[in-house]
């Protein structure tokens, strides 16, 4: 999988829907320490998927790049240790 990172998204704000520019990713729920198990989600042939832990509805939007979300700010970036 070199060169193809799996992006992680979070939903601290509790948005019911988040648009993303990828169809395979990880949902972490809220940022740590309030995260849930990091759930790998694959939309397959669909254009949307619901996280089974936090019920966030993710929708694929081809106009977004892999690190963009709508609303903005839902890309999870791990804190440096």
PDB file of N, CA and C in Angstrom:
ATOM      1  N   UNK A   1       0.801  -1.195   0.000  1.00  0.00           N
ATOM      2  CA  UNK A   1       0.000   0.000   0.000  1.00  0.00           C
ATOM      3  C   UNK A   1       0.839   1.253   0.000  1.00  0.00           C
ATOM      4  N   UNK A   2       2.088   1.127  -0.252  1.00  0.00           N
ATOM      5  CA  UNK A   2       2.973   2.291  -0.248  1.00  0.00           C
ATOM      6  C   UNK A   2       2.472   3.330  -1.237  1.00  0.00           C
ATOM      7  N   UNK A   3       2.491   4.577  -0.797  1.00  0.00           N
ATOM      8  CA  UNK A   3       2.038   5.652  -1.674  1.00  0.00           C
ATOM      9  C   UNK A   3       0.546   5.880  -1.640  1.00  0.00           C
ATOM     10  N   UNK A   4      -0.191   5.066  -0.904  1.00  0.00           N
ATOM     11  CA  UNK A   4      -1.642   5.201  -0.830  1.00  0.00           C
ATOM     12  C   UNK A   4      -2.082   5.177   0.628  1.00  0.00           C
ATOM     13  N   UNK A   5      -1.859   6.275   1.336  1.00  0.00           N
ATOM     14  CA  UNK A   5      -2.220   6.278   2.763  1.00  0.00           C
ATOM     15  C   UNK A   5      -3.734   6.172   2.965  1.00  0.00           C
ATOM     16  N   UNK A   6      -4.115   5.561   4.037  1.00  0.00           N
ATOM     17  CA  UNK A   6      -5.525   5.508   4.396  1.00  0.00           C
ATOM     18  C   UNK A   6      -5.801   6.733   5.269  1.00  0.00           C
ATOM     19  N   UNK A   7      -6.606   7.624   4.782  1.00  0.00           N
ATOM     20  CA  UNK A   7      -6.928   8.840   5.523  1.00  0.00           C
ATOM     21  C   UNK A   7      -7.883   8.528   6.663  1.00  0.00           C
ATOM     22  N   UNK A   8      -7.756   9.305   7.727  1.00  0.00           N
ATOM     23  CA  UNK A   8      -8.593   9.165   8.908  1.00  0.00           C
ATOM     24  C   UNK A   8      -9.422  10.437   9.060  1.00  0.00           C
ATOM     25  N   UNK A   9     -10.695  10.264   9.401  1.00  0.00           N
ATOM     26  CA  UNK A   9     -11.583  11.403   9.590  1.00  0.00           C
ATOM     27  C   UNK A   9     -12.197  11.354  10.980  1.00  0.00           C
ATOM     28  N   UNK A  10     -12.444  12.529  11.560  1.00  0.00           N
ATOM     29  CA  UNK A  10     -13.040  12.639  12.884  1.00  0.00           C
ATOM     30  C   UNK A  10     -14.259  13.553  12.814  1.00  0.00           C
ATOM     31  N   UNK A  11     -15.095  13.441  13.843  1.00  0.00           N
ATOM     32  CA  UNK A  11     -16.334  14.216  13.856  1.00  0.00           C
ATOM     33  C   UNK A  11     -16.567  14.816  15.240  1.00  0.00           C
ATOM     34  N   UNK A  12     -15.609  15.607  15.716  1.00  0.00           N
ATOM     35  CA  UNK A  12     -15.745  16.270  17.018  1.00  0.00           C
ATOM     36  C   UNK A  12     -17.001  17.124  17.120  1.00  0.00           C
ATOM     37  N   UNK A  13     -17.379  17.750  16.033  1.00  0.00           N
ATOM     38  CA  UNK A  13     -18.507  18.683  16.045  1.00  0.00           C
ATOM     39  C   UNK A  13     -19.865  17.986  15.975  1.00  0.00           C
ATOM     40  N   UNK A  14     -19.878  16.694  15.736  1.00  0.00           N
ATOM     41  CA  UNK A  14     -21.146  15.962  15.688  1.00  0.00           C
ATOM     42  C   UNK A  14     -21.960  16.222  14.442  1.00  0.00           C
ATOM     43  N   UNK A  15     -21.293  16.445  13.307  1.00  0.00           N
ATOM     44  CA  UNK A  15     -22.007  16.653  12.044  1.00  0.00           C
ATOM     45  C   UNK A  15     -22.778  15.385  11.668  1.00  0.00           C
ATOM     46  N   UNK A  16     -24.007  15.510  11.217  1.00  0.00           N
ATOM     47  CA  UNK A  16     -24.736  14.307  10.792  1.00  0.00           C
ATOM     48  C   UNK A  16     -24.151  13.710   9.511  1.00  0.00           C
ATOM     49  N   UNK A  17     -23.587  14.567   8.641  1.00  0.00           N
ATOM     50  CA  UNK A  17     -23.035  14.128   7.359  1.00  0.00           C
ATOM     51  C   UNK A  17     -21.706  14.824   7.113  1.00  0.00           C
ATOM     52  N   UNK A  18     -20.737  14.058   6.598  1.00  0.00           N
ATOM     53  CA  UNK A  18     -19.451  14.610   6.197  1.00  0.00           C
ATOM     54  C   UNK A  18     -19.164  14.141   4.785  1.00  0.00           C
ATOM     55  N   UNK A  19     -18.888  15.085   3.900  1.00  0.00           N
ATOM     56  CA  UNK A  19     -18.488  14.746   2.533  1.00  0.00           C
ATOM     57  C   UNK A  19     -16.973  14.600   2.500  1.00  0.00           C
ATOM     58  N   UNK A  20     -16.505  13.547   1.830  1.00  0.00           N
ATOM     59  CA  UNK A  20     -15.078  13.255   1.729  1.00  0.00           C
ATOM     60  C   UNK A  20     -14.711  12.974   0.274  1.00  0.00           C
ATOM     61  N   UNK A  21     -13.420  13.095  -0.033  1.00  0.00           N
ATOM     62  CA  UNK A  21     -12.942  12.886  -1.399  1.00  0.00           C
ATOM     63  C   UNK A  21     -12.350  11.515  -1.647  1.00  0.00           C
ATOM     64  N   UNK A  22     -12.596  10.566  -0.757  1.00  0.00           N
ATOM     65  CA  UNK A  22     -12.107   9.194  -0.897  1.00  0.00           C
ATOM     66  C   UNK A  22     -13.239   8.218  -0.575  1.00  0.00           C
ATOM     67  N   UNK A  23     -13.103   6.985  -1.038  1.00  0.00           N
ATOM     68  CA  UNK A  23     -14.134   5.983  -0.762  1.00  0.00           C
ATOM     69  C   UNK A  23     -13.674   4.929   0.235  1.00  0.00           C
ATOM     70  N   UNK A  24     -12.389   4.938   0.598  1.00  0.00           N
ATOM     71  CA  UNK A  24     -11.842   4.022   1.599  1.00  0.00           C
ATOM     72  C   UNK A  24     -11.090   4.862   2.615  1.00  0.00           C
ATOM     73  N   UNK A  25     -11.427   4.711   3.892  1.00  0.00           N
ATOM     74  CA  UNK A  25     -10.838   5.556   4.924  1.00  0.00           C
ATOM     75  C   UNK A  25     -11.134   4.962   6.294  1.00  0.00           C
ATOM     76  N   UNK A  26     -10.601   5.619   7.332  1.00  0.00           N
ATOM     77  CA  UNK A  26     -10.853   5.226   8.704  1.00  0.00           C
ATOM     78  C   UNK A  26     -11.661   6.322   9.387  1.00  0.00           C
ATOM     79  N   UNK A  27     -12.650   5.922  10.172  1.00  0.00           N
ATOM     80  CA  UNK A  27     -13.396   6.849  11.015  1.00  0.00           C
ATOM     81  C   UNK A  27     -12.906   6.639  12.438  1.00  0.00           C
ATOM     82  N   UNK A  28     -12.540   7.734  13.108  1.00  0.00           N
ATOM     83  CA  UNK A  28     -12.071   7.638  14.500  1.00  0.00           C
ATOM     84  C   UNK A  28     -13.103   8.178  15.478  1.00  0.00           C
ATOM     85  N   UNK A  29     -14.238   8.626  14.985  1.00  0.00           N
ATOM     86  CA  UNK A  29     -15.242   9.246  15.858  1.00  0.00           C
ATOM     87  C   UNK A  29     -14.775  10.636  16.216  1.00  0.00           C
ATOM     88  N   UNK A  30     -14.649  10.929  17.485  1.00  0.00           N
ATOM     89  CA  UNK A  30     -14.113  12.208  17.936  1.00  0.00           C
ATOM     90  C   UNK A  30     -12.601  12.071  18.120  1.00  0.00           C
ATOM     91  N   UNK A  31     -11.939  13.190  18.301  1.00  0.00           N
ATOM     92  CA  UNK A  31     -10.501  13.148  18.563  1.00  0.00           C
ATOM     93  C   UNK A  31     -10.232  12.487  19.916  1.00  0.00           C
ATOM     94  N   UNK A  32      -9.084  11.810  20.043  1.00  0.00           N
ATOM     95  CA  UNK A  32      -8.718  11.216  21.332  1.00  0.00           C
ATOM     96  C   UNK A  32      -8.701  12.283  22.424  1.00  0.00           C
ATOM     97  N   UNK A  33      -9.094  11.951  23.605  1.00  0.00           N
ATOM     98  CA  UNK A  33      -9.336  10.594  24.131  1.00  0.00           C
ATOM     99  C   UNK A  33     -10.773  10.133  23.966  1.00  0.00           C
ATOM    100  N   UNK A  34     -11.559  10.825  23.190  1.00  0.00           N
ATOM    101  CA  UNK A  34     -12.975  10.488  23.028  1.00  0.00           C
ATOM    102  C   UNK A  34     -13.250   9.708  21.746  1.00  0.00           C
ATOM    103  N   UNK A  35     -12.208   9.153  21.149  1.00  0.00           N
ATOM    104  CA  UNK A  35     -12.374   8.407  19.901  1.00  0.00           C
ATOM    105  C   UNK A  35     -12.992   7.039  20.162  1.00  0.00           C
ATOM    106  N   UNK A  36     -13.487   6.438  19.087  1.00  0.00           N
ATOM    107  CA  UNK A  36     -13.954   5.056  19.162  1.00  0.00           C
ATOM    108  C   UNK A  36     -12.929   4.192  18.429  1.00  0.00           C
ATOM    109  N   UNK A  37     -13.058   2.870  18.452  1.00  0.00           N
ATOM    110  CA  UNK A  37     -12.116   2.057  17.678  1.00  0.00           C
ATOM    111  C   UNK A  37     -12.066   2.571  16.240  1.00  0.00           C
ATOM    112  N   UNK A  38     -10.878   2.704  15.712  1.00  0.00           N
ATOM    113  CA  UNK A  38     -10.713   3.245  14.374  1.00  0.00           C
ATOM    114  C   UNK A  38     -11.257   2.246  13.361  1.00  0.00           C
ATOM    115  N   UNK A  39     -12.365   2.610  12.760  1.00  0.00           N
ATOM    116  CA  UNK A  39     -13.145   1.716  11.904  1.00  0.00           C
ATOM    117  C   UNK A  39     -12.813   1.960  10.438  1.00  0.00           C
ATOM    118  N   UNK A  40     -12.334   0.901   9.752  1.00  0.00           N
ATOM    119  CA  UNK A  40     -12.064   0.979   8.311  1.00  0.00           C
ATOM    120  C   UNK A  40     -13.390   0.922   7.567  1.00  0.00           C
ATOM    121  N   UNK A  41     -13.629   1.906   6.731  1.00  0.00           N
ATOM    122  CA  UNK A  41     -14.870   1.960   5.950  1.00  0.00           C
ATOM    123  C   UNK A  41     -14.536   1.961   4.462  1.00  0.00           C
ATOM    124  N   UNK A  42     -15.265   1.168   3.713  1.00  0.00           N
ATOM    125  CA  UNK A  42     -15.084   1.059   2.263  1.00  0.00           C
ATOM    126  C   UNK A  42     -16.462   1.191   1.618  1.00  0.00           C
ATOM    127  N   UNK A  43     -16.658   2.254   0.854  1.00  0.00           N
ATOM    128  CA  UNK A  43     -17.960   2.505   0.221  1.00  0.00           C
ATOM    129  C   UNK A  43     -18.264   1.526  -0.902  1.00  0.00           C
ATOM    130  N   UNK A  44     -17.256   0.858  -1.422  1.00  0.00           N
ATOM    131  CA  UNK A  44     -17.490  -0.067  -2.532  1.00  0.00           C
ATOM    132  C   UNK A  44     -18.088   0.661  -3.719  1.00  0.00           C
ATOM    133  N   UNK A  45     -19.190   0.147  -4.251  1.00  0.00           N
ATOM    134  CA  UNK A  45     -19.851   0.766  -5.398  1.00  0.00           C
ATOM    135  C   UNK A  45     -20.808   1.875  -5.007  1.00  0.00           C
ATOM    136  N   UNK A  46     -21.003   2.079  -3.718  1.00  0.00           N
ATOM    137  CA  UNK A  46     -21.919   3.101  -3.233  1.00  0.00           C
ATOM    138  C   UNK A  46     -21.206   4.445  -3.155  1.00  0.00           C
ATOM    139  N   UNK A  47     -21.951   5.491  -2.912  1.00  0.00           N
ATOM    140  CA  UNK A  47     -21.354   6.822  -2.749  1.00  0.00           C
ATOM    141  C   UNK A  47     -21.532   7.337  -1.329  1.00  0.00           C
ATOM    142  N   UNK A  48     -21.965   6.445  -0.423  1.00  0.00           N
ATOM    143  CA  UNK A  48     -22.111   6.843   0.973  1.00  0.00           C
ATOM    144  C   UNK A  48     -22.037   5.618   1.871  1.00  0.00           C
ATOM    145  N   UNK A  49     -21.690   5.884   3.158  1.00  0.00           N
ATOM    146  CA  UNK A  49     -21.592   4.810   4.145  1.00  0.00           C
ATOM    147  C   UNK A  49     -21.778   5.424   5.530  1.00  0.00           C
ATOM    148  N   UNK A  50     -22.345   4.645   6.443  1.00  0.00           N
ATOM    149  CA  UNK A  50     -22.560   5.088   7.818  1.00  0.00           C
ATOM    150  C   UNK A  50     -21.567   4.351   8.711  1.00  0.00           C
ATOM    151  N   UNK A  51     -20.886   5.097   9.581  1.00  0.00           N
ATOM    152  CA  UNK A  51     -19.980   4.476  10.547  1.00  0.00           C
ATOM    153  C   UNK A  51     -20.819   3.716  11.570  1.00  0.00           C
ATOM    154  N   UNK A  52     -20.523   2.433  11.796  1.00  0.00           N
ATOM    155  CA  UNK A  52     -21.314   1.647  12.742  1.00  0.00           C
ATOM    156  C   UNK A  52     -21.109   2.054  14.204  1.00  0.00           C
ATOM    157  N   UNK A  53     -20.053   2.802  14.503  1.00  0.00           N
ATOM    158  CA  UNK A  53     -19.809   3.224  15.892  1.00  0.00           C
ATOM    159  C   UNK A  53     -20.463   4.557  16.217  1.00  0.00           C
ATOM    160  N   UNK A  54     -20.257   5.565  15.366  1.00  0.00           N
ATOM    161  CA  UNK A  54     -20.729   6.912  15.719  1.00  0.00           C
ATOM    162  C   UNK A  54     -21.903   7.381  14.857  1.00  0.00           C
ATOM    163  N   UNK A  55     -22.307   6.576  13.887  1.00  0.00           N
ATOM    164  CA  UNK A  55     -23.449   6.861  13.013  1.00  0.00           C
ATOM    165  C   UNK A  55     -23.254   8.071  12.109  1.00  0.00           C
ATOM    166  N   UNK A  56     -22.014   8.515  11.926  1.00  0.00           N
ATOM    167  CA  UNK A  56     -21.755   9.589  10.971  1.00  0.00           C
ATOM    168  C   UNK A  56     -21.996   9.063   9.565  1.00  0.00           C
ATOM    169  N   UNK A  57     -22.739   9.801   8.766  1.00  0.00           N
ATOM    170  CA  UNK A  57     -22.954   9.460   7.370  1.00  0.00           C
ATOM    171  C   UNK A  57     -21.856  10.130   6.556  1.00  0.00           C
ATOM    172  N   UNK A  58     -21.054   9.329   5.876  1.00  0.00           N
ATOM    173  CA  UNK A  58     -20.006   9.842   4.995  1.00  0.00           C
ATOM    174  C   UNK A  58     -20.497   9.738   3.556  1.00  0.00           C
ATOM    175  N   UNK A  59     -20.329  10.822   2.807  1.00  0.00           N
ATOM    176  CA  UNK A  59     -20.717  10.837   1.394  1.00  0.00           C
ATOM    177  C   UNK A  59     -19.503  11.183   0.547  1.00  0.00           C
ATOM    178  N   UNK A  60     -19.306  10.434  -0.529  1.00  0.00           N
ATOM    179  CA  UNK A  60     -18.214  10.688  -1.456  1.00  0.00           C
ATOM    180  C   UNK A  60     -18.557  11.892  -2.322  1.00  0.00           C
ATOM    181  N   UNK A  61     -17.594  12.805  -2.448  1.00  0.00           N
ATOM    182  CA  UNK A  61     -17.742  13.982  -3.302  1.00  0.00           C
ATOM    183  C   UNK A  61     -16.496  14.064  -4.166  1.00  0.00           C
ATOM    184  N   UNK A  62     -16.644  13.757  -5.432  1.00  0.00           N
ATOM    185  CA  UNK A  62     -15.486  13.698  -6.343  1.00  0.00           C
ATOM    186  C   UNK A  62     -14.803  15.043  -6.538  1.00  0.00           C
ATOM    187  N   UNK A  63     -15.427  16.138  -6.145  1.00  0.00           N
ATOM    188  CA  UNK A  63     -14.800  17.454  -6.296  1.00  0.00           C
ATOM    189  C   UNK A  63     -13.814  17.752  -5.158  1.00  0.00           C
ATOM    190  N   UNK A  64     -13.821  16.931  -4.107  1.00  0.00           N
ATOM    191  CA  UNK A  64     -12.900  17.123  -2.991  1.00  0.00           C
ATOM    192  C   UNK A  64     -11.646  16.277  -3.193  1.00  0.00           C
ATOM    193  N   UNK A  65     -10.489  16.789  -2.721  1.00  0.00           N
ATOM    194  CA  UNK A  65      -9.302  15.941  -2.775  1.00  0.00           C
ATOM    195  C   UNK A  65      -9.295  15.044  -1.535  1.00  0.00           C
ATOM    196  N   UNK A  66      -8.309  14.172  -1.439  1.00  0.00           N
ATOM    197  CA  UNK A  66      -8.289  13.158  -0.382  1.00  0.00           C
ATOM    198  C   UNK A  66      -8.218  13.731   1.026  1.00  0.00           C
ATOM    199  N   UNK A  67      -7.741  14.957   1.189  1.00  0.00           N
ATOM    200  CA  UNK A  67      -7.601  15.534   2.521  1.00  0.00           C
ATOM    201  C   UNK A  67      -8.619  16.624   2.817  1.00  0.00           C
ATOM    202  N   UNK A  68      -9.569  16.819   1.920  1.00  0.00           N
ATOM    203  CA  UNK A  68     -10.610  17.818   2.136  1.00  0.00           C
ATOM    204  C   UNK A  68     -11.872  17.159   2.669  1.00  0.00           C
ATOM    205  N   UNK A  69     -12.590  17.905   3.493  1.00  0.00           N
ATOM    206  CA  UNK A  69     -13.899  17.457   3.957  1.00  0.00           C
ATOM    207  C   UNK A  69     -14.863  18.632   3.878  1.00  0.00           C
ATOM    208  N   UNK A  70     -16.111  18.311   3.823  1.00  0.00           N
ATOM    209  CA  UNK A  70     -17.157  19.335   3.893  1.00  0.00           C
ATOM    210  C   UNK A  70     -18.187  18.844   4.888  1.00  0.00           C
ATOM    211  N   UNK A  71     -18.332  19.506   6.018  1.00  0.00           N
ATOM    212  CA  UNK A  71     -17.685  20.743   6.420  1.00  0.00           C
ATOM    213  C   UNK A  71     -16.186  20.554   6.637  1.00  0.00           C
ATOM    214  N   UNK A  72     -15.449  21.659   6.593  1.00  0.00           N
ATOM    215  CA  UNK A  72     -14.006  21.620   6.760  1.00  0.00           C
ATOM    216  C   UNK A  72     -13.637  21.183   8.174  1.00  0.00           C
ATOM    217  N   UNK A  73     -12.399  20.687   8.307  1.00  0.00           N
ATOM    218  CA  UNK A  73     -11.851  20.388   9.620  1.00  0.00           C
ATOM    219  C   UNK A  73     -12.099  19.000  10.152  1.00  0.00           C
ATOM    220  N   UNK A  74     -12.539  18.072   9.314  1.00  0.00           N
ATOM    221  CA  UNK A  74     -12.829  16.720   9.795  1.00  0.00           C
ATOM    222  C   UNK A  74     -11.724  15.710   9.483  1.00  0.00           C
ATOM    223  N   UNK A  75     -10.629  16.167   8.863  1.00  0.00           N
ATOM    224  CA  UNK A  75      -9.482  15.288   8.648  1.00  0.00           C
ATOM    225  C   UNK A  75      -8.789  15.097   9.990  1.00  0.00           C
ATOM    226  N   UNK A  76      -8.556  13.849  10.382  1.00  0.00           N
ATOM    227  CA  UNK A  76      -7.870  13.552  11.635  1.00  0.00           C
ATOM    228  C   UNK A  76      -6.372  13.558  11.391  1.00  0.00           C
ATOM    229  N   UNK A  77      -5.653  14.315  12.185  1.00  0.00           N
ATOM    230  CA  UNK A  77      -4.198  14.336  12.135  1.00  0.00           C
ATOM    231  C   UNK A  77      -3.691  13.970  13.519  1.00  0.00           C
ATOM    232  N   UNK A  78      -2.983  12.857  13.613  1.00  0.00           N
ATOM    233  CA  UNK A  78      -2.493  12.406  14.914  1.00  0.00           C
ATOM    234  C   UNK A  78      -1.502  13.412  15.476  1.00  0.00           C
ATOM    235  N   UNK A  79      -1.605  13.658  16.753  1.00  0.00           N
ATOM    236  CA  UNK A  79      -0.691  14.572  17.428  1.00  0.00           C
ATOM    237  C   UNK A  79       0.700  13.959  17.493  1.00  0.00           C
ATOM    238  N   UNK A  80       1.716  14.768  17.269  1.00  0.00           N
ATOM    239  CA  UNK A  80       3.095  14.280  17.360  1.00  0.00           C
ATOM    240  C   UNK A  80       3.434  13.994  18.821  1.00  0.00           C
ATOM    241  N   UNK A  81       4.136  12.901  19.021  1.00  0.00           N
ATOM    242  CA  UNK A  81       4.527  12.548  20.396  1.00  0.00           C
ATOM    243  C   UNK A  81       5.997  12.733  20.628  1.00  0.00           C
TER     244      UNK A  81
END
